[in-house]
N, C-alpha and C. Protein backbone atom coordinates (compact mmCIF):
# COMPACT_ATOMS: atom_id res chain seq x y z
N MET A 1 26.91 -89.75 -21.36
CA MET A 1 26.32 -88.57 -21.98
C MET A 1 24.87 -88.46 -21.53
N SER A 2 24.42 -87.27 -21.20
CA SER A 2 23.05 -87.08 -20.71
C SER A 2 22.07 -86.94 -21.86
N GLU A 3 20.79 -87.10 -21.55
CA GLU A 3 19.73 -86.95 -22.54
C GLU A 3 19.58 -85.51 -23.00
N ARG A 4 19.87 -84.56 -22.14
CA ARG A 4 19.70 -83.14 -22.48
C ARG A 4 20.66 -82.70 -23.57
N GLY A 5 21.90 -83.08 -23.49
CA GLY A 5 22.91 -82.63 -24.44
C GLY A 5 22.83 -83.33 -25.78
N ALA A 6 22.16 -84.46 -25.86
CA ALA A 6 22.13 -85.25 -27.08
C ALA A 6 21.33 -84.57 -28.18
N GLY A 7 20.36 -83.70 -27.86
CA GLY A 7 19.52 -83.09 -28.88
C GLY A 7 20.01 -81.75 -29.38
N PHE A 8 21.07 -81.22 -28.82
CA PHE A 8 21.51 -79.88 -29.20
C PHE A 8 22.17 -79.86 -30.58
N GLY A 9 22.97 -80.85 -30.90
CA GLY A 9 23.63 -80.93 -32.20
C GLY A 9 22.62 -81.02 -33.34
N PRO A 10 21.68 -81.96 -33.28
CA PRO A 10 20.66 -82.03 -34.33
C PRO A 10 19.81 -80.75 -34.43
N PHE A 11 19.60 -80.10 -33.30
CA PHE A 11 18.86 -78.84 -33.31
C PHE A 11 19.60 -77.78 -34.12
N LEU A 12 20.89 -77.63 -33.86
CA LEU A 12 21.70 -76.66 -34.60
C LEU A 12 21.76 -77.00 -36.08
N LEU A 13 21.88 -78.29 -36.41
CA LEU A 13 21.90 -78.70 -37.80
C LEU A 13 20.58 -78.35 -38.48
N GLY A 14 19.47 -78.63 -37.84
CA GLY A 14 18.16 -78.30 -38.39
C GLY A 14 17.98 -76.80 -38.56
N LEU A 15 18.46 -76.03 -37.60
CA LEU A 15 18.37 -74.57 -37.68
C LEU A 15 19.16 -74.04 -38.87
N THR A 16 20.35 -74.57 -39.07
CA THR A 16 21.20 -74.13 -40.18
C THR A 16 20.59 -74.52 -41.52
N VAL A 17 20.13 -75.76 -41.64
CA VAL A 17 19.53 -76.22 -42.89
C VAL A 17 18.27 -75.41 -43.20
N GLY A 18 17.46 -75.14 -42.20
CA GLY A 18 16.25 -74.34 -42.40
C GLY A 18 16.56 -72.93 -42.86
N ALA A 19 17.58 -72.31 -42.29
CA ALA A 19 17.96 -70.95 -42.68
C ALA A 19 18.47 -70.93 -44.12
N VAL A 20 19.28 -71.92 -44.51
CA VAL A 20 19.80 -71.97 -45.88
C VAL A 20 18.66 -72.16 -46.87
N ILE A 21 17.76 -73.07 -46.59
CA ILE A 21 16.61 -73.31 -47.48
C ILE A 21 15.75 -72.05 -47.56
N GLY A 22 15.56 -71.38 -46.45
CA GLY A 22 14.79 -70.14 -46.44
C GLY A 22 15.39 -69.07 -47.33
N PHE A 23 16.72 -68.93 -47.27
CA PHE A 23 17.39 -67.94 -48.12
C PHE A 23 17.31 -68.32 -49.59
N LEU A 24 17.43 -69.60 -49.89
CA LEU A 24 17.41 -70.04 -51.29
C LEU A 24 16.04 -69.89 -51.94
N PHE A 25 14.98 -70.15 -51.17
CA PHE A 25 13.64 -70.16 -51.75
C PHE A 25 12.78 -68.96 -51.37
N ALA A 26 13.38 -67.92 -50.84
CA ALA A 26 12.61 -66.71 -50.49
C ALA A 26 12.03 -66.11 -51.75
N PRO A 27 10.71 -65.83 -51.76
CA PRO A 27 10.08 -65.33 -52.99
C PRO A 27 10.49 -63.91 -53.36
N ASP A 28 10.84 -63.09 -52.39
CA ASP A 28 11.19 -61.70 -52.66
C ASP A 28 12.47 -61.34 -51.92
N ALA A 29 13.01 -60.18 -52.28
CA ALA A 29 14.19 -59.67 -51.59
C ALA A 29 13.80 -59.24 -50.18
N GLY A 30 14.79 -59.06 -49.34
CA GLY A 30 14.53 -58.71 -47.94
C GLY A 30 13.75 -57.43 -47.77
N GLU A 31 14.06 -56.39 -48.55
CA GLU A 31 13.35 -55.12 -48.44
C GLU A 31 11.87 -55.26 -48.79
N VAL A 32 11.59 -56.01 -49.83
CA VAL A 32 10.20 -56.21 -50.26
C VAL A 32 9.43 -56.98 -49.19
N THR A 33 10.05 -58.03 -48.67
CA THR A 33 9.39 -58.84 -47.63
C THR A 33 9.13 -58.00 -46.39
N ARG A 34 10.10 -57.22 -45.96
CA ARG A 34 9.91 -56.35 -44.79
C ARG A 34 8.80 -55.34 -45.03
N GLY A 35 8.73 -54.80 -46.24
CA GLY A 35 7.67 -53.85 -46.58
C GLY A 35 6.29 -54.50 -46.50
N LYS A 36 6.16 -55.71 -47.04
CA LYS A 36 4.88 -56.42 -46.97
C LYS A 36 4.49 -56.70 -45.52
N LEU A 37 5.48 -57.16 -44.74
CA LEU A 37 5.22 -57.47 -43.34
C LEU A 37 4.80 -56.21 -42.57
N THR A 38 5.49 -55.10 -42.83
CA THR A 38 5.15 -53.83 -42.17
C THR A 38 3.73 -53.40 -42.52
N LYS A 39 3.36 -53.54 -43.79
CA LYS A 39 2.02 -53.16 -44.24
C LYS A 39 0.95 -54.00 -43.55
N LYS A 40 1.19 -55.31 -43.45
CA LYS A 40 0.22 -56.19 -42.79
C LYS A 40 0.12 -55.87 -41.30
N LEU A 41 1.25 -55.62 -40.66
CA LEU A 41 1.23 -55.31 -39.23
C LEU A 41 0.53 -53.99 -38.96
N ARG A 42 0.71 -53.00 -39.84
CA ARG A 42 -0.01 -51.73 -39.68
C ARG A 42 -1.51 -51.93 -39.81
N GLY A 43 -1.91 -52.79 -40.77
CA GLY A 43 -3.33 -53.10 -40.93
C GLY A 43 -3.91 -53.75 -39.69
N LEU A 44 -3.16 -54.69 -39.10
CA LEU A 44 -3.62 -55.33 -37.87
C LEU A 44 -3.70 -54.34 -36.72
N ARG A 45 -2.72 -53.45 -36.65
CA ARG A 45 -2.73 -52.43 -35.60
C ARG A 45 -3.94 -51.52 -35.73
N ASP A 46 -4.23 -51.09 -36.96
CA ASP A 46 -5.39 -50.23 -37.20
C ASP A 46 -6.69 -50.94 -36.83
N LEU A 47 -6.78 -52.22 -37.19
CA LEU A 47 -7.96 -53.00 -36.85
C LEU A 47 -8.12 -53.12 -35.33
N ALA A 48 -7.01 -53.36 -34.64
CA ALA A 48 -7.06 -53.47 -33.17
C ALA A 48 -7.48 -52.13 -32.56
N GLU A 49 -6.95 -51.02 -33.06
CA GLU A 49 -7.33 -49.71 -32.54
C GLU A 49 -8.81 -49.44 -32.78
N GLU A 50 -9.31 -49.86 -33.94
CA GLU A 50 -10.73 -49.68 -34.25
C GLU A 50 -11.61 -50.47 -33.28
N LYS A 51 -11.22 -51.71 -33.02
CA LYS A 51 -12.00 -52.55 -32.10
C LYS A 51 -11.97 -51.98 -30.68
N VAL A 52 -10.82 -51.49 -30.25
CA VAL A 52 -10.71 -50.90 -28.92
C VAL A 52 -11.59 -49.66 -28.84
N GLY A 53 -11.61 -48.86 -29.90
CA GLY A 53 -12.47 -47.68 -29.94
C GLY A 53 -13.94 -48.05 -29.85
N GLU A 54 -14.34 -49.12 -30.55
CA GLU A 54 -15.73 -49.56 -30.48
C GLU A 54 -16.09 -50.02 -29.07
N LEU A 55 -15.18 -50.74 -28.43
CA LEU A 55 -15.44 -51.20 -27.06
C LEU A 55 -15.53 -50.03 -26.10
N ALA A 56 -14.65 -49.04 -26.29
CA ALA A 56 -14.66 -47.88 -25.40
C ALA A 56 -15.94 -47.08 -25.58
N GLU A 57 -16.43 -46.95 -26.82
CA GLU A 57 -17.68 -46.24 -27.05
C GLU A 57 -18.86 -46.98 -26.42
N GLY A 58 -18.83 -48.29 -26.51
CA GLY A 58 -19.91 -49.09 -25.93
C GLY A 58 -19.99 -48.98 -24.43
N GLU A 59 -18.87 -48.81 -23.77
CA GLU A 59 -18.86 -48.72 -22.31
C GLU A 59 -19.32 -47.36 -21.82
N THR A 60 -19.09 -46.32 -22.59
CA THR A 60 -19.45 -44.99 -22.12
C THR A 60 -20.73 -44.47 -22.74
N GLY A 61 -21.27 -45.20 -23.72
CA GLY A 61 -22.47 -44.75 -24.41
C GLY A 61 -23.71 -44.94 -23.57
N PRO A 62 -24.87 -44.48 -24.08
CA PRO A 62 -26.11 -44.57 -23.33
C PRO A 62 -26.58 -46.00 -23.11
N ALA A 63 -26.21 -46.92 -23.99
CA ALA A 63 -26.64 -48.31 -23.85
C ALA A 63 -25.57 -49.13 -23.13
N ALA A 64 -24.81 -48.50 -22.25
CA ALA A 64 -23.73 -49.20 -21.55
C ALA A 64 -24.30 -50.26 -20.62
N LEU A 65 -23.55 -51.33 -20.47
CA LEU A 65 -23.95 -52.39 -19.57
C LEU A 65 -23.76 -51.92 -18.13
N PRO A 66 -24.61 -52.38 -17.23
CA PRO A 66 -24.44 -51.99 -15.83
C PRO A 66 -23.19 -52.64 -15.25
N SER A 67 -22.64 -51.99 -14.25
CA SER A 67 -21.47 -52.57 -13.60
C SER A 67 -21.90 -53.81 -12.83
N ALA A 68 -20.96 -54.59 -12.42
CA ALA A 68 -21.25 -55.82 -11.70
C ALA A 68 -21.98 -55.51 -10.39
N ARG A 69 -21.55 -54.45 -9.72
CA ARG A 69 -22.20 -54.09 -8.46
C ARG A 69 -23.65 -53.69 -8.68
N GLU A 70 -23.89 -52.88 -9.73
CA GLU A 70 -25.27 -52.46 -10.03
C GLU A 70 -26.14 -53.67 -10.37
N GLU A 71 -25.58 -54.60 -11.13
CA GLU A 71 -26.33 -55.80 -11.51
C GLU A 71 -26.66 -56.64 -10.28
N LEU A 72 -25.71 -56.80 -9.37
CA LEU A 72 -25.96 -57.57 -8.14
C LEU A 72 -27.01 -56.88 -7.26
N GLU A 73 -26.92 -55.56 -7.17
CA GLU A 73 -27.92 -54.83 -6.37
C GLU A 73 -29.31 -54.97 -6.97
N ARG A 74 -29.40 -54.93 -8.29
CA ARG A 74 -30.69 -55.10 -8.96
C ARG A 74 -31.27 -56.49 -8.71
N ARG A 75 -30.42 -57.50 -8.83
CA ARG A 75 -30.89 -58.88 -8.59
C ARG A 75 -31.30 -59.08 -7.13
N LEU A 76 -30.55 -58.47 -6.23
CA LEU A 76 -30.91 -58.59 -4.81
C LEU A 76 -32.25 -57.93 -4.54
N ALA A 77 -32.49 -56.77 -5.12
CA ALA A 77 -33.76 -56.08 -4.95
C ALA A 77 -34.91 -56.92 -5.53
N GLU A 78 -34.70 -57.55 -6.67
CA GLU A 78 -35.73 -58.40 -7.26
C GLU A 78 -36.01 -59.61 -6.39
N ALA A 79 -34.94 -60.20 -5.82
CA ALA A 79 -35.12 -61.36 -4.95
C ALA A 79 -35.90 -60.96 -3.70
N ARG A 80 -35.61 -59.81 -3.14
CA ARG A 80 -36.35 -59.34 -1.96
C ARG A 80 -37.82 -59.11 -2.31
N ARG A 81 -38.06 -58.52 -3.48
CA ARG A 81 -39.43 -58.28 -3.91
C ARG A 81 -40.18 -59.60 -4.08
N ARG A 82 -39.56 -60.57 -4.70
CA ARG A 82 -40.20 -61.88 -4.88
C ARG A 82 -40.47 -62.55 -3.54
N ARG A 83 -39.56 -62.38 -2.61
CA ARG A 83 -39.71 -62.99 -1.30
C ARG A 83 -40.90 -62.38 -0.55
N ARG A 84 -41.04 -61.04 -0.68
CA ARG A 84 -42.15 -60.37 -0.01
C ARG A 84 -43.49 -60.73 -0.63
N THR A 85 -43.53 -60.88 -1.94
CA THR A 85 -44.80 -61.17 -2.60
C THR A 85 -45.18 -62.64 -2.52
N GLY A 86 -44.24 -63.49 -2.09
CA GLY A 86 -44.55 -64.91 -1.94
C GLY A 86 -44.56 -65.67 -3.25
N LYS A 87 -43.85 -65.20 -4.22
CA LYS A 87 -43.77 -65.88 -5.50
C LYS A 87 -43.04 -67.21 -5.31
N PRO A 88 -43.48 -68.28 -5.98
CA PRO A 88 -42.82 -69.58 -5.80
C PRO A 88 -41.35 -69.53 -6.22
N ALA A 89 -40.55 -70.34 -5.56
CA ALA A 89 -39.11 -70.35 -5.82
C ALA A 89 -38.81 -70.85 -7.23
N ARG A 90 -39.61 -71.78 -7.73
CA ARG A 90 -39.35 -72.33 -9.06
C ARG A 90 -39.48 -71.25 -10.14
N ALA A 91 -40.47 -70.43 -10.04
CA ALA A 91 -40.67 -69.36 -11.02
C ALA A 91 -39.50 -68.37 -10.95
N ALA A 92 -38.99 -68.14 -9.76
CA ALA A 92 -37.87 -67.21 -9.61
C ALA A 92 -36.63 -67.76 -10.31
N THR A 93 -36.37 -69.06 -10.19
CA THR A 93 -35.18 -69.62 -10.84
C THR A 93 -35.35 -69.63 -12.35
N GLU A 94 -36.57 -69.80 -12.83
CA GLU A 94 -36.80 -69.75 -14.27
C GLU A 94 -36.50 -68.36 -14.81
N GLU A 95 -36.88 -67.33 -14.06
CA GLU A 95 -36.60 -65.96 -14.49
C GLU A 95 -35.10 -65.72 -14.55
N VAL A 96 -34.37 -66.20 -13.54
CA VAL A 96 -32.93 -66.00 -13.50
C VAL A 96 -32.28 -66.73 -14.65
N ALA A 97 -32.77 -67.93 -14.98
CA ALA A 97 -32.20 -68.70 -16.08
C ALA A 97 -32.42 -67.95 -17.40
N GLU A 98 -33.58 -67.32 -17.53
CA GLU A 98 -33.82 -66.56 -18.75
C GLU A 98 -32.94 -65.32 -18.83
N GLU A 99 -32.66 -64.71 -17.69
CA GLU A 99 -31.82 -63.51 -17.67
C GLU A 99 -30.36 -63.85 -17.98
N ASP A 100 -29.90 -65.01 -17.55
CA ASP A 100 -28.50 -65.34 -17.66
C ASP A 100 -28.10 -65.89 -19.03
N GLU A 101 -29.04 -66.07 -19.93
CA GLU A 101 -28.70 -66.58 -21.24
C GLU A 101 -27.88 -65.53 -21.99
N PRO A 102 -26.85 -65.98 -22.72
CA PRO A 102 -26.01 -65.01 -23.45
C PRO A 102 -26.79 -64.30 -24.54
N VAL A 103 -26.52 -63.03 -24.70
CA VAL A 103 -27.22 -62.20 -25.65
C VAL A 103 -26.53 -62.20 -27.00
N ALA A 104 -25.21 -62.20 -26.98
CA ALA A 104 -24.43 -62.09 -28.22
C ALA A 104 -24.66 -63.31 -29.04
């Protein structure tokens, strides 16, 4: 007998025992439980829609974050400016470290 087939019988027994215990100790009838579950799922759906709306407003609003390309172009322009002015490399890395710190 293989190792794979040896666990299937106990699995089915556990599944059956769990289902019977679940039916015996269910706090409410099926309709009531489904109603509660539906209400909670609708609340979660509404919350998710609200969060998506907030994110969408943030991306299109006036305080929108720059795109990755715009951010790279800005950093490249700053690096070129620092290179032309002869600013020390250490000061430049300190500025970048300050810029890269998370805001949230």
